[in-house]
């Protein structure tokens, strides 16, 4: 099971409306951790790893640049070069 540090948890907690515009699903860091674990979230260390993830998942990236991929609702920029990807 992945370990999510406070920076990752705070990022998701503060930006969860990006994925759930209808309202918050988590109210604190523990709930954020539970949500990320239950939804098979991963943390990657670069834009390149985000692109690799989507390629491995079979997404056709032709014609898409990194900025387009990073705008996906399920991709969250932590702010320290890492990204959260919500899988489930």
PDB file of N, CA and C in Angstrom:
ATOM      1  N   UNK A   1       0.845  -1.179   0.000  1.00  0.00           N
ATOM      2  CA  UNK A   1       0.000   0.000   0.000  1.00  0.00           C
ATOM      3  C   UNK A   1       0.893   1.246   0.000  1.00  0.00           C
ATOM      4  N   UNK A   2       0.603   2.199  -0.895  1.00  0.00           N
ATOM      5  CA  UNK A   2       1.469   3.380  -0.964  1.00  0.00           C
ATOM      6  C   UNK A   2       1.349   4.248   0.282  1.00  0.00           C
ATOM      7  N   UNK A   3       2.424   4.920   0.576  1.00  0.00           N
ATOM      8  CA  UNK A   3       2.412   5.878   1.670  1.00  0.00           C
ATOM      9  C   UNK A   3       2.253   7.283   1.082  1.00  0.00           C
ATOM     10  N   UNK A   4       1.313   8.024   1.588  1.00  0.00           N
ATOM     11  CA  UNK A   4       1.088   9.387   1.130  1.00  0.00           C
ATOM     12  C   UNK A   4       1.538  10.339   2.218  1.00  0.00           C
ATOM     13  N   UNK A   5       2.511  11.202   1.897  1.00  0.00           N
ATOM     14  CA  UNK A   5       3.002  12.150   2.893  1.00  0.00           C
ATOM     15  C   UNK A   5       2.038  13.343   3.003  1.00  0.00           C
ATOM     16  N   UNK A   6       2.306  14.209   3.966  1.00  0.00           N
ATOM     17  CA  UNK A   6       1.401  15.332   4.233  1.00  0.00           C
ATOM     18  C   UNK A   6       1.244  16.253   3.030  1.00  0.00           C
ATOM     19  N   UNK A   7       2.306  16.481   2.251  1.00  0.00           N
ATOM     20  CA  UNK A   7       2.211  17.360   1.081  1.00  0.00           C
ATOM     21  C   UNK A   7       1.211  16.805   0.076  1.00  0.00           C
ATOM     22  N   UNK A   8       1.255  15.498  -0.140  1.00  0.00           N
ATOM     23  CA  UNK A   8       0.331  14.845  -1.066  1.00  0.00           C
ATOM     24  C   UNK A   8      -1.094  14.931  -0.531  1.00  0.00           C
ATOM     25  N   UNK A   9      -1.269  14.614   0.740  1.00  0.00           N
ATOM     26  CA  UNK A   9      -2.605  14.645   1.335  1.00  0.00           C
ATOM     27  C   UNK A   9      -3.199  16.046   1.319  1.00  0.00           C
ATOM     28  N   UNK A  10      -2.397  17.043   1.656  1.00  0.00           N
ATOM     29  CA  UNK A  10      -2.884  18.426   1.652  1.00  0.00           C
ATOM     30  C   UNK A  10      -3.247  18.870   0.240  1.00  0.00           C
ATOM     31  N   UNK A  11      -2.441  18.480  -0.732  1.00  0.00           N
ATOM     32  CA  UNK A  11      -2.718  18.825  -2.125  1.00  0.00           C
ATOM     33  C   UNK A  11      -4.084  18.294  -2.534  1.00  0.00           C
ATOM     34  N   UNK A  12      -4.332  17.013  -2.272  1.00  0.00           N
ATOM     35  CA  UNK A  12      -5.628  16.453  -2.654  1.00  0.00           C
ATOM     36  C   UNK A  12      -6.759  17.102  -1.866  1.00  0.00           C
ATOM     37  N   UNK A  13      -6.578  17.272  -0.584  1.00  0.00           N
ATOM     38  CA  UNK A  13      -7.616  17.859   0.261  1.00  0.00           C
ATOM     39  C   UNK A  13      -8.002  19.256  -0.229  1.00  0.00           C
ATOM     40  N   UNK A  14      -7.003  20.064  -0.584  1.00  0.00           N
ATOM     41  CA  UNK A  14      -7.247  21.440  -1.012  1.00  0.00           C
ATOM     42  C   UNK A  14      -7.788  21.532  -2.436  1.00  0.00           C
ATOM     43  N   UNK A  15      -7.558  20.516  -3.262  1.00  0.00           N
ATOM     44  CA  UNK A  15      -7.922  20.598  -4.681  1.00  0.00           C
ATOM     45  C   UNK A  15      -8.932  19.545  -5.127  1.00  0.00           C
ATOM     46  N   UNK A  16      -9.560  18.870  -4.190  1.00  0.00           N
ATOM     47  CA  UNK A  16     -10.439  17.758  -4.539  1.00  0.00           C
ATOM     48  C   UNK A  16     -11.617  18.168  -5.421  1.00  0.00           C
ATOM     49  N   UNK A  17     -12.034  19.437  -5.388  1.00  0.00           N
ATOM     50  CA  UNK A  17     -13.141  19.882  -6.231  1.00  0.00           C
ATOM     51  C   UNK A  17     -12.801  19.787  -7.715  1.00  0.00           C
ATOM     52  N   UNK A  18     -11.518  19.703  -8.025  1.00  0.00           N
ATOM     53  CA  UNK A  18     -11.080  19.496  -9.411  1.00  0.00           C
ATOM     54  C   UNK A  18     -11.666  18.184  -9.945  1.00  0.00           C
ATOM     55  N   UNK A  19     -11.706  17.168  -9.113  1.00  0.00           N
ATOM     56  CA  UNK A  19     -12.232  15.861  -9.488  1.00  0.00           C
ATOM     57  C   UNK A  19     -13.720  15.732  -9.132  1.00  0.00           C
ATOM     58  N   UNK A  20     -14.137  16.428  -8.089  1.00  0.00           N
ATOM     59  CA  UNK A  20     -15.516  16.352  -7.605  1.00  0.00           C
ATOM     60  C   UNK A  20     -16.129  17.751  -7.501  1.00  0.00           C
ATOM     61  N   UNK A  21     -16.498  18.346  -8.634  1.00  0.00           N
ATOM     62  CA  UNK A  21     -17.028  19.715  -8.589  1.00  0.00           C
ATOM     63  C   UNK A  21     -18.332  19.832  -7.795  1.00  0.00           C
ATOM     64  N   UNK A  22     -19.014  18.708  -7.589  1.00  0.00           N
ATOM     65  CA  UNK A  22     -20.275  18.753  -6.848  1.00  0.00           C
ATOM     66  C   UNK A  22     -20.067  18.932  -5.350  1.00  0.00           C
ATOM     67  N   UNK A  23     -18.844  18.760  -4.880  1.00  0.00           N
ATOM     68  CA  UNK A  23     -18.591  18.986  -3.465  1.00  0.00           C
ATOM     69  C   UNK A  23     -17.485  18.122  -2.911  1.00  0.00           C
ATOM     70  N   UNK A  24     -17.052  18.465  -1.735  1.00  0.00           N
ATOM     71  CA  UNK A  24     -15.944  17.784  -1.078  1.00  0.00           C
ATOM     72  C   UNK A  24     -16.297  16.351  -0.704  1.00  0.00           C
ATOM     73  N   UNK A  25     -15.310  15.464  -0.849  1.00  0.00           N
ATOM     74  CA  UNK A  25     -15.475  14.079  -0.417  1.00  0.00           C
ATOM     75  C   UNK A  25     -14.635  13.790   0.826  1.00  0.00           C
ATOM     76  N   UNK A  26     -13.696  14.688   1.135  1.00  0.00           N
ATOM     77  CA  UNK A  26     -12.803  14.523   2.288  1.00  0.00           C
ATOM     78  C   UNK A  26     -12.773  15.819   3.089  1.00  0.00           C
ATOM     79  N   UNK A  27     -12.751  15.662   4.390  1.00  0.00           N
ATOM     80  CA  UNK A  27     -12.726  16.836   5.261  1.00  0.00           C
ATOM     81  C   UNK A  27     -11.410  17.003   6.016  1.00  0.00           C
ATOM     82  N   UNK A  28     -10.598  15.950   6.078  1.00  0.00           N
ATOM     83  CA  UNK A  28      -9.335  16.060   6.807  1.00  0.00           C
ATOM     84  C   UNK A  28      -8.297  15.135   6.167  1.00  0.00           C
ATOM     85  N   UNK A  29      -7.081  15.182   6.696  1.00  0.00           N
ATOM     86  CA  UNK A  29      -5.982  14.410   6.103  1.00  0.00           C
ATOM     87  C   UNK A  29      -6.228  12.901   6.174  1.00  0.00           C
ATOM     88  N   UNK A  30      -6.827  12.419   7.257  1.00  0.00           N
ATOM     89  CA  UNK A  30      -7.113  10.983   7.365  1.00  0.00           C
ATOM     90  C   UNK A  30      -8.102  10.536   6.295  1.00  0.00           C
ATOM     91  N   UNK A  31      -9.136  11.328   6.070  1.00  0.00           N
ATOM     92  CA  UNK A  31     -10.103  10.992   5.028  1.00  0.00           C
ATOM     93  C   UNK A  31      -9.451  11.061   3.643  1.00  0.00           C
ATOM     94  N   UNK A  32      -8.572  12.031   3.452  1.00  0.00           N
ATOM     95  CA  UNK A  32      -7.859  12.138   2.170  1.00  0.00           C
ATOM     96  C   UNK A  32      -7.001  10.896   1.937  1.00  0.00           C
ATOM     97  N   UNK A  33      -6.297  10.445   2.967  1.00  0.00           N
ATOM     98  CA  UNK A  33      -5.472   9.230   2.861  1.00  0.00           C
ATOM     99  C   UNK A  33      -6.342   8.026   2.503  1.00  0.00           C
ATOM    100  N   UNK A  34      -7.449   7.879   3.213  1.00  0.00           N
ATOM    101  CA  UNK A  34      -8.359   6.763   2.944  1.00  0.00           C
ATOM    102  C   UNK A  34      -8.858   6.810   1.502  1.00  0.00           C
ATOM    103  N   UNK A  35      -9.255   7.987   1.055  1.00  0.00           N
ATOM    104  CA  UNK A  35      -9.766   8.110  -0.310  1.00  0.00           C
ATOM    105  C   UNK A  35      -8.693   7.731  -1.334  1.00  0.00           C
ATOM    106  N   UNK A  36      -7.484   8.255  -1.158  1.00  0.00           N
ATOM    107  CA  UNK A  36      -6.409   7.965  -2.114  1.00  0.00           C
ATOM    108  C   UNK A  36      -6.086   6.477  -2.132  1.00  0.00           C
ATOM    109  N   UNK A  37      -6.075   5.858  -0.971  1.00  0.00           N
ATOM    110  CA  UNK A  37      -5.800   4.411  -0.908  1.00  0.00           C
ATOM    111  C   UNK A  37      -6.915   3.611  -1.564  1.00  0.00           C
ATOM    112  N   UNK A  38      -8.156   3.966  -1.291  1.00  0.00           N
ATOM    113  CA  UNK A  38      -9.300   3.230  -1.835  1.00  0.00           C
ATOM    114  C   UNK A  38      -9.412   3.378  -3.348  1.00  0.00           C
ATOM    115  N   UNK A  39      -8.907   4.478  -3.878  1.00  0.00           N
ATOM    116  CA  UNK A  39      -9.021   4.741  -5.304  1.00  0.00           C
ATOM    117  C   UNK A  39      -7.706   4.516  -6.050  1.00  0.00           C
ATOM    118  N   UNK A  40      -6.815   3.777  -5.419  1.00  0.00           N
ATOM    119  CA  UNK A  40      -5.568   3.344  -6.055  1.00  0.00           C
ATOM    120  C   UNK A  40      -4.775   4.506  -6.643  1.00  0.00           C
ATOM    121  N   UNK A  41      -4.722   5.604  -5.914  1.00  0.00           N
ATOM    122  CA  UNK A  41      -3.942   6.749  -6.365  1.00  0.00           C
ATOM    123  C   UNK A  41      -2.462   6.396  -6.339  1.00  0.00           C
ATOM    124  N   UNK A  42      -1.733   7.011  -7.244  1.00  0.00           N
ATOM    125  CA  UNK A  42      -0.281   6.864  -7.253  1.00  0.00           C
ATOM    126  C   UNK A  42       0.342   8.249  -7.257  1.00  0.00           C
ATOM    127  N   UNK A  43       1.572   8.320  -6.818  1.00  0.00           N
ATOM    128  CA  UNK A  43       2.337   9.567  -6.850  1.00  0.00           C
ATOM    129  C   UNK A  43       3.530   9.323  -7.751  1.00  0.00           C
ATOM    130  N   UNK A  44       3.699  10.202  -8.738  1.00  0.00           N
ATOM    131  CA  UNK A  44       4.842  10.104  -9.644  1.00  0.00           C
ATOM    132  C   UNK A  44       5.697  11.349  -9.469  1.00  0.00           C
ATOM    133  N   UNK A  45       6.949  11.247  -9.925  1.00  0.00           N
ATOM    134  CA  UNK A  45       7.934  12.284  -9.622  1.00  0.00           C
ATOM    135  C   UNK A  45       8.204  13.289 -10.734  1.00  0.00           C
ATOM    136  N   UNK A  46       7.484  13.189 -11.853  1.00  0.00           N
ATOM    137  CA  UNK A  46       7.747  14.129 -12.942  1.00  0.00           C
ATOM    138  C   UNK A  46       6.615  14.103 -13.960  1.00  0.00           C
ATOM    139  N   UNK A  47       6.605  15.110 -14.821  1.00  0.00           N
ATOM    140  CA  UNK A  47       5.651  15.158 -15.925  1.00  0.00           C
ATOM    141  C   UNK A  47       5.856  13.942 -16.825  1.00  0.00           C
ATOM    142  N   UNK A  48       7.108  13.568 -17.032  1.00  0.00           N
ATOM    143  CA  UNK A  48       7.407  12.416 -17.885  1.00  0.00           C
ATOM    144  C   UNK A  48       6.759  11.149 -17.326  1.00  0.00           C
ATOM    145  N   UNK A  49       6.779  10.982 -16.013  1.00  0.00           N
ATOM    146  CA  UNK A  49       6.163   9.806 -15.401  1.00  0.00           C
ATOM    147  C   UNK A  49       4.639   9.848 -15.532  1.00  0.00           C
ATOM    148  N   UNK A  50       4.053  11.043 -15.520  1.00  0.00           N
ATOM    149  CA  UNK A  50       2.613  11.159 -15.760  1.00  0.00           C
ATOM    150  C   UNK A  50       2.305  10.658 -17.165  1.00  0.00           C
ATOM    151  N   UNK A  51       3.085  11.125 -18.145  1.00  0.00           N
ATOM    152  CA  UNK A  51       2.886  10.711 -19.535  1.00  0.00           C
ATOM    153  C   UNK A  51       3.065   9.199 -19.672  1.00  0.00           C
ATOM    154  N   UNK A  52       4.104   8.660 -19.046  1.00  0.00           N
ATOM    155  CA  UNK A  52       4.353   7.213 -19.109  1.00  0.00           C
ATOM    156  C   UNK A  52       3.179   6.438 -18.521  1.00  0.00           C
ATOM    157  N   UNK A  53       2.645   6.921 -17.419  1.00  0.00           N
ATOM    158  CA  UNK A  53       1.505   6.245 -16.793  1.00  0.00           C
ATOM    159  C   UNK A  53       0.346   6.136 -17.782  1.00  0.00           C
ATOM    160  N   UNK A  54      -0.013   7.257 -18.414  1.00  0.00           N
ATOM    161  CA  UNK A  54      -1.152   7.240 -19.323  1.00  0.00           C
ATOM    162  C   UNK A  54      -0.870   6.387 -20.564  1.00  0.00           C
ATOM    163  N   UNK A  55       0.366   6.390 -21.024  1.00  0.00           N
ATOM    164  CA  UNK A  55       0.732   5.519 -22.147  1.00  0.00           C
ATOM    165  C   UNK A  55       0.571   4.054 -21.760  1.00  0.00           C
ATOM    166  N   UNK A  56       1.038   3.689 -20.563  1.00  0.00           N
ATOM    167  CA  UNK A  56       0.921   2.310 -20.089  1.00  0.00           C
ATOM    168  C   UNK A  56      -0.530   1.896 -19.895  1.00  0.00           C
ATOM    169  N   UNK A  57      -1.389   2.857 -19.569  1.00  0.00           N
ATOM    170  CA  UNK A  57      -2.810   2.572 -19.388  1.00  0.00           C
ATOM    171  C   UNK A  57      -3.545   2.488 -20.726  1.00  0.00           C
ATOM    172  N   UNK A  58      -2.824   2.742 -21.809  1.00  0.00           N
ATOM    173  CA  UNK A  58      -3.422   2.602 -23.135  1.00  0.00           C
ATOM    174  C   UNK A  58      -4.100   3.849 -23.669  1.00  0.00           C
ATOM    175  N   UNK A  59      -3.879   4.985 -23.038  1.00  0.00           N
ATOM    176  CA  UNK A  59      -4.468   6.225 -23.524  1.00  0.00           C
ATOM    177  C   UNK A  59      -3.716   6.683 -24.767  1.00  0.00           C
ATOM    178  N   UNK A  60      -4.446   7.042 -25.800  1.00  0.00           N
ATOM    179  CA  UNK A  60      -3.827   7.546 -27.022  1.00  0.00           C
ATOM    180  C   UNK A  60      -3.410   8.997 -26.773  1.00  0.00           C
ATOM    181  N   UNK A  61      -2.119   9.218 -26.693  1.00  0.00           N
ATOM    182  CA  UNK A  61      -1.594  10.550 -26.391  1.00  0.00           C
ATOM    183  C   UNK A  61      -1.232  11.343 -27.642  1.00  0.00           C
ATOM    184  N   UNK A  62      -1.482  10.762 -28.801  1.00  0.00           N
ATOM    185  CA  UNK A  62      -1.118  11.444 -30.044  1.00  0.00           C
ATOM    186  C   UNK A  62      -1.846  12.777 -30.134  1.00  0.00           C
ATOM    187  N   UNK A  63      -1.083  13.818 -30.392  1.00  0.00           N
ATOM    188  CA  UNK A  63      -1.646  15.150 -30.502  1.00  0.00           C
ATOM    189  C   UNK A  63      -1.822  15.863 -29.173  1.00  0.00           C
ATOM    190  N   UNK A  64      -1.548  15.183 -28.074  1.00  0.00           N
ATOM    191  CA  UNK A  64      -1.665  15.815 -26.763  1.00  0.00           C
ATOM    192  C   UNK A  64      -0.283  16.183 -26.239  1.00  0.00           C
ATOM    193  N   UNK A  65      -0.176  17.371 -25.671  1.00  0.00           N
ATOM    194  CA  UNK A  65       1.090  17.747 -25.054  1.00  0.00           C
ATOM    195  C   UNK A  65       0.971  17.555 -23.543  1.00  0.00           C
ATOM    196  N   UNK A  66       2.081  17.742 -22.866  1.00  0.00           N
ATOM    197  CA  UNK A  66       2.111  17.527 -21.415  1.00  0.00           C
ATOM    198  C   UNK A  66       1.101  18.415 -20.699  1.00  0.00           C
ATOM    199  N   UNK A  67       0.954  19.668 -21.138  1.00  0.00           N
ATOM    200  CA  UNK A  67       0.006  20.567 -20.489  1.00  0.00           C
ATOM    201  C   UNK A  67      -1.417  20.023 -20.559  1.00  0.00           C
ATOM    202  N   UNK A  68      -1.774  19.453 -21.703  1.00  0.00           N
ATOM    203  CA  UNK A  68      -3.117  18.878 -21.851  1.00  0.00           C
ATOM    204  C   UNK A  68      -3.321  17.715 -20.892  1.00  0.00           C
ATOM    205  N   UNK A  69      -2.315  16.870 -20.769  1.00  0.00           N
ATOM    206  CA  UNK A  69      -2.406  15.719 -19.869  1.00  0.00           C
ATOM    207  C   UNK A  69      -2.514  16.194 -18.418  1.00  0.00           C
ATOM    208  N   UNK A  70      -1.738  17.202 -18.062  1.00  0.00           N
ATOM    209  CA  UNK A  70      -1.738  17.690 -16.683  1.00  0.00           C
ATOM    210  C   UNK A  70      -3.043  18.380 -16.310  1.00  0.00           C
ATOM    211  N   UNK A  71      -3.846  18.768 -17.305  1.00  0.00           N
ATOM    212  CA  UNK A  71      -5.128  19.393 -17.036  1.00  0.00           C
ATOM    213  C   UNK A  71      -6.231  18.369 -16.775  1.00  0.00           C
ATOM    214  N   UNK A  72      -5.919  17.084 -16.925  1.00  0.00           N
ATOM    215  CA  UNK A  72      -6.910  16.042 -16.668  1.00  0.00           C
ATOM    216  C   UNK A  72      -7.388  16.132 -15.224  1.00  0.00           C
ATOM    217  N   UNK A  73      -8.678  15.896 -15.027  1.00  0.00           N
ATOM    218  CA  UNK A  73      -9.259  16.013 -13.682  1.00  0.00           C
ATOM    219  C   UNK A  73      -8.586  15.109 -12.668  1.00  0.00           C
ATOM    220  N   UNK A  74      -8.082  13.954 -13.108  1.00  0.00           N
ATOM    221  CA  UNK A  74      -7.508  12.985 -12.175  1.00  0.00           C
ATOM    222  C   UNK A  74      -6.033  13.203 -11.885  1.00  0.00           C
ATOM    223  N   UNK A  75      -5.445  14.286 -12.407  1.00  0.00           N
ATOM    224  CA  UNK A  75      -4.030  14.597 -12.175  1.00  0.00           C
ATOM    225  C   UNK A  75      -3.940  15.846 -11.300  1.00  0.00           C
ATOM    226  N   UNK A  76      -3.206  15.724 -10.204  1.00  0.00           N
ATOM    227  CA  UNK A  76      -3.040  16.827  -9.255  1.00  0.00           C
ATOM    228  C   UNK A  76      -1.564  17.146  -9.115  1.00  0.00           C
ATOM    229  N   UNK A  77      -1.195  18.405  -9.278  1.00  0.00           N
ATOM    230  CA  UNK A  77       0.196  18.826  -9.099  1.00  0.00           C
ATOM    231  C   UNK A  77       0.430  19.125  -7.626  1.00  0.00           C
ATOM    232  N   UNK A  78       1.348  18.378  -7.014  1.00  0.00           N
ATOM    233  CA  UNK A  78       1.624  18.537  -5.591  1.00  0.00           C
ATOM    234  C   UNK A  78       2.322  19.870  -5.321  1.00  0.00           C
ATOM    235  N   UNK A  79       3.174  20.291  -6.260  1.00  0.00           N
ATOM    236  CA  UNK A  79       3.859  21.572  -6.096  1.00  0.00           C
ATOM    237  C   UNK A  79       5.344  21.434  -5.860  1.00  0.00           C
ATOM    238  N   UNK A  80       5.812  20.196  -5.703  1.00  0.00           N
ATOM    239  CA  UNK A  80       7.237  19.965  -5.471  1.00  0.00           C
ATOM    240  C   UNK A  80       7.831  19.100  -6.589  1.00  0.00           C
ATOM    241  N   UNK A  81       7.164  19.121  -7.741  1.00  0.00           N
ATOM    242  CA  UNK A  81       7.613  18.313  -8.874  1.00  0.00           C
ATOM    243  C   UNK A  81       6.878  16.986  -8.987  1.00  0.00           C
ATOM    244  N   UNK A  82       6.124  16.636  -7.945  1.00  0.00           N
ATOM    245  CA  UNK A  82       5.374  15.381  -7.969  1.00  0.00           C
ATOM    246  C   UNK A  82       3.925  15.620  -8.395  1.00  0.00           C
ATOM    247  N   UNK A  83       3.311  14.525  -8.823  1.00  0.00           N
ATOM    248  CA  UNK A  83       1.926  14.555  -9.256  1.00  0.00           C
ATOM    249  C   UNK A  83       1.181  13.366  -8.663  1.00  0.00           C
ATOM    250  N   UNK A  84      -0.074  13.595  -8.303  1.00  0.00           N
ATOM    251  CA  UNK A  84      -0.961  12.522  -7.858  1.00  0.00           C
ATOM    252  C   UNK A  84      -1.817  12.150  -9.060  1.00  0.00           C
ATOM    253  N   UNK A  85      -1.969  10.861  -9.304  1.00  0.00           N
ATOM    254  CA  UNK A  85      -2.889  10.389 -10.325  1.00  0.00           C
ATOM    255  C   UNK A  85      -3.903   9.496  -9.629  1.00  0.00           C
ATOM    256  N   UNK A  86      -5.187   9.834  -9.771  1.00  0.00           N
ATOM    257  CA  UNK A  86      -6.254   9.033  -9.187  1.00  0.00           C
ATOM    258  C   UNK A  86      -6.632   7.965 -10.216  1.00  0.00           C
ATOM    259  N   UNK A  87      -6.407   6.716  -9.878  1.00  0.00           N
ATOM    260  CA  UNK A  87      -6.642   5.631 -10.826  1.00  0.00           C
ATOM    261  C   UNK A  87      -8.085   5.176 -10.851  1.00  0.00           C
ATOM    262  N   UNK A  88      -8.698   5.025  -9.689  1.00  0.00           N
ATOM    263  CA  UNK A  88     -10.016   4.405  -9.624  1.00  0.00           C
ATOM    264  C   UNK A  88     -11.089   5.411  -9.584  1.00  0.00           C
TER     265      UNK A  88
END
